[in-house]
Amino acid sequence: MADDAANGVGMPQLDLSTFSNQIFWLIVTLFVLYYVMSRIALPRVAAVLADRRGTITSDISAAEEYKLKAQEAEDAYHKARADARAEANRIVEAAKAEMQAQLDTEIAKADAEIAARTAESERRIRDIRDRSIEMVSEVSKDTAKEILTSFGAKADARSVNAAVDARLKGGL
């Protein structure tokens, strides 16, 4: 090596005597690399890229389809929920109407029963008043007879009854 340095031989790549040979093999190597890359490697990379592009495109279209289906499902859910609320409101209104009808029927029955009891009570009161008037008349006649007898007056039952009846009719 020390000898090569003395002769002026340096790096073989920079030796001008082999420069044309190096350029030839460089060109041959570049053509071989270009051929291998263009015929083998690049088509495989292009195929992989095309497959990925196709997969991405199909995934995007599937995602759009699923998004539309999800939107349709959400719309159907909202419609079903609105329909259920409307049905529930209808059922509640029907139940209210039925309960109101039953309440009206029961109130009518209660009013009829109250009216019947009131009429019965009024009849009983009339009967009691009529009986009490008869009793007052009898007691008044008996009392008048006793009073007249205690004063020593002689009164017949017919005149006492007529006087008490006349007085009761005029006072009542």
Protein backbone atom coordinates (compact mmCIF):
# COMPACT_ATOMS: atom_id res chain seq x y z
CA MET A 1 0.00 0.00 0.00
CA ALA A 2 2.74 2.34 0.72
CA ASP A 3 4.06 1.44 -2.68
CA ASP A 4 0.72 2.29 -4.36
CA ALA A 5 0.71 5.64 -2.72
CA ALA A 6 4.15 6.35 -4.04
CA ASN A 7 3.17 5.39 -7.59
CA GLY A 8 0.22 7.80 -7.50
CA VAL A 9 -2.45 5.17 -7.70
CA GLY A 10 -5.52 6.31 -5.69
CA MET A 11 -9.07 5.15 -5.59
CA PRO A 12 -9.94 2.89 -8.50
CA GLN A 13 -13.19 4.76 -9.19
CA LEU A 14 -11.23 7.86 -9.96
CA ASP A 15 -8.75 6.16 -12.23
CA LEU A 16 -9.28 7.65 -15.72
CA SER A 17 -7.95 4.58 -17.48
CA THR A 18 -10.95 2.52 -16.25
CA PHE A 19 -13.45 5.36 -16.52
CA SER A 20 -15.03 4.23 -19.82
CA ASN A 21 -15.41 0.68 -18.56
CA GLN A 22 -17.14 1.99 -15.41
CA ILE A 23 -19.52 4.12 -17.47
CA PHE A 24 -20.44 1.10 -19.62
CA TRP A 25 -21.29 -1.07 -16.61
CA LEU A 26 -23.13 1.83 -15.01
CA ILE A 27 -25.35 2.16 -18.08
CA VAL A 28 -25.90 -1.62 -18.28
CA THR A 29 -26.79 -1.74 -14.57
CA LEU A 30 -29.20 1.18 -14.92
CA PHE A 31 -30.94 -0.48 -17.89
CA VAL A 32 -31.23 -3.77 -15.99
CA LEU A 33 -32.61 -1.95 -12.94
CA TYR A 34 -35.01 0.01 -15.10
CA TYR A 35 -36.19 -3.17 -16.82
CA VAL A 36 -36.64 -5.07 -13.52
CA MET A 37 -38.43 -2.13 -11.92
CA SER A 38 -40.70 -1.41 -14.88
CA ARG A 39 -41.61 -5.05 -15.59
CA ILE A 40 -41.73 -6.59 -12.09
CA ALA A 41 -41.70 -4.21 -9.12
CA LEU A 42 -43.71 -1.23 -10.39
CA PRO A 43 -46.61 -3.33 -11.75
CA ARG A 44 -46.88 -5.07 -8.37
CA VAL A 45 -46.86 -1.71 -6.55
CA ALA A 46 -49.42 -0.35 -9.02
CA ALA A 47 -51.62 -3.44 -8.46
CA VAL A 48 -51.39 -3.04 -4.69
CA LEU A 49 -52.23 0.67 -4.99
CA ALA A 50 -55.16 -0.12 -7.29
CA ASP A 51 -56.42 -2.78 -4.85
CA ARG A 52 -56.14 -0.33 -1.98
CA ARG A 53 -57.89 2.37 -3.99
CA GLY A 54 -60.68 -0.10 -4.87
CA THR A 55 -60.98 -1.21 -1.24
CA ILE A 56 -61.09 2.37 -0.03
CA THR A 57 -63.70 3.27 -2.65
CA SER A 58 -65.85 0.27 -1.78
CA ASP A 59 -65.46 1.00 1.94
CA ILE A 60 -66.49 4.62 1.38
CA SER A 61 -69.53 3.55 -0.67
CA ALA A 62 -70.43 0.96 1.98
CA ALA A 63 -70.06 3.62 4.67
CA GLU A 64 -72.36 5.93 2.71
CA GLU A 65 -74.86 3.10 2.32
CA TYR A 66 -74.71 2.34 6.03
CA LYS A 67 -75.05 6.03 6.79
CA LEU A 68 -78.21 6.18 4.65
CA LYS A 69 -79.56 3.04 6.33
CA ALA A 70 -78.79 4.52 9.74
CA GLN A 71 -80.58 7.73 8.76
CA GLU A 72 -83.57 5.71 7.54
CA ALA A 73 -83.56 3.70 10.77
CA GLU A 74 -83.39 6.90 12.81
CA ASP A 75 -86.27 8.40 10.81
CA ALA A 76 -88.27 5.18 11.28
CA TYR A 77 -87.50 5.29 15.01
CA HIS A 78 -88.66 8.90 15.29
CA LYS A 79 -91.80 8.10 13.30
CA ALA A 80 -92.51 5.03 15.44
CA ARG A 81 -91.94 7.07 18.59
CA ALA A 82 -94.29 9.80 17.34
CA ASP A 83 -96.87 7.16 16.38
CA ALA A 84 -96.53 5.54 19.80
CA ARG A 85 -97.03 8.89 21.51
CA ALA A 86 -100.07 9.60 19.36
CA GLU A 87 -101.46 6.13 20.14
CA ALA A 88 -100.76 6.62 23.85
CA ASN A 89 -102.52 10.00 23.76
CA ARG A 90 -105.45 8.42 21.94
CA ILE A 91 -105.63 5.63 24.52
CA VAL A 92 -105.44 8.15 27.36
CA GLU A 93 -108.19 10.26 25.78
CA ALA A 94 -110.33 7.17 25.24
CA ALA A 95 -109.78 6.10 28.86
CA LYS A 96 -110.63 9.62 30.06
CA ALA A 97 -113.79 9.62 27.96
CA GLU A 98 -114.76 6.16 29.24
CA MET A 99 -114.10 7.18 32.85
CA GLN A 100 -116.07 10.41 32.32
CA ALA A 101 -118.97 8.40 30.87
CA GLN A 102 -118.86 6.03 33.85
CA LEU A 103 -118.64 8.99 36.21
CA ASP A 104 -121.62 10.65 34.49
CA THR A 105 -123.58 7.39 34.76
CA GLU A 106 -122.71 7.03 38.44
CA ILE A 107 -123.58 10.68 39.09
CA ALA A 108 -126.90 10.20 37.30
CA LYS A 109 -127.58 7.09 39.43
CA ALA A 110 -126.61 8.98 42.58
CA ASP A 111 -128.81 11.94 41.58
CA ALA A 112 -131.71 9.58 40.91
CA GLU A 113 -131.16 7.86 44.25
CA ILE A 114 -130.92 11.22 46.02
CA ALA A 115 -134.10 12.39 44.27
CA ALA A 116 -135.88 9.17 45.28
CA ARG A 117 -134.70 9.48 48.87
CA THR A 118 -135.66 13.16 48.91
CA ALA A 119 -139.14 12.32 47.61
CA GLU A 120 -139.43 9.53 50.19
CA SER A 121 -138.26 11.89 52.93
CA GLU A 122 -140.72 14.56 51.81
CA ARG A 123 -143.52 11.96 51.80
CA ARG A 124 -142.56 10.81 55.28
CA ILE A 125 -142.41 14.40 56.51
CA ARG A 126 -145.87 15.02 55.02
CA ASP A 127 -147.16 11.86 56.68
CA ILE A 128 -145.62 12.87 60.00
CA ARG A 129 -147.07 16.38 59.70
CA ASP A 130 -150.50 15.00 58.80
CA ARG A 131 -150.35 12.57 61.73
CA SER A 132 -149.11 15.30 64.03
CA ILE A 133 -152.00 17.55 62.97
CA GLU A 134 -154.41 14.70 63.68
CA MET A 135 -152.73 14.12 67.03
CA VAL A 136 -152.81 17.83 67.85
CA SER A 137 -156.48 17.83 66.88
CA GLU A 138 -157.21 14.82 69.10
CA VAL A 139 -155.17 16.22 71.98
CA SER A 140 -156.83 19.62 71.55
CA LYS A 141 -160.28 18.07 71.57
CA ASP A 142 -159.52 15.97 74.63
CA THR A 143 -157.92 18.93 76.40
CA ALA A 144 -160.84 21.21 75.58
CA LYS A 145 -163.28 18.60 76.90
CA GLU A 146 -161.27 18.21 80.10
CA ILE A 147 -161.00 21.97 80.59
CA LEU A 148 -164.73 22.44 80.09
CA THR A 149 -165.44 19.56 82.45
CA SER A 150 -163.10 20.99 85.09
CA PHE A 151 -164.96 24.35 84.94
CA GLY A 152 -168.17 22.47 85.34
CA ALA A 153 -169.55 23.26 81.94
CA LYS A 154 -171.39 20.68 80.06
CA ALA A 155 -170.33 20.43 76.43
CA ASP A 156 -171.20 17.81 73.98
CA ALA A 157 -168.47 16.13 72.01
CA ARG A 158 -169.84 17.31 68.65
CA SER A 159 -169.74 21.04 69.52
CA VAL A 160 -166.26 20.73 71.10
CA ASN A 161 -164.97 18.89 68.02
CA ALA A 162 -166.51 21.51 65.69
CA ALA A 163 -165.00 24.41 67.70
CA VAL A 164 -161.51 22.80 67.83
CA ASP A 165 -161.65 21.94 64.09
CA ALA A 166 -162.68 25.51 63.22
CA ARG A 167 -159.92 26.94 65.36
CA LEU A 168 -157.27 24.60 63.91
CA LYS A 169 -158.33 25.34 60.33
CA GLY A 170 -158.19 29.07 60.94
CA GLY A 171 -154.83 28.90 62.80
CA LEU A 172 -153.01 26.58 60.50
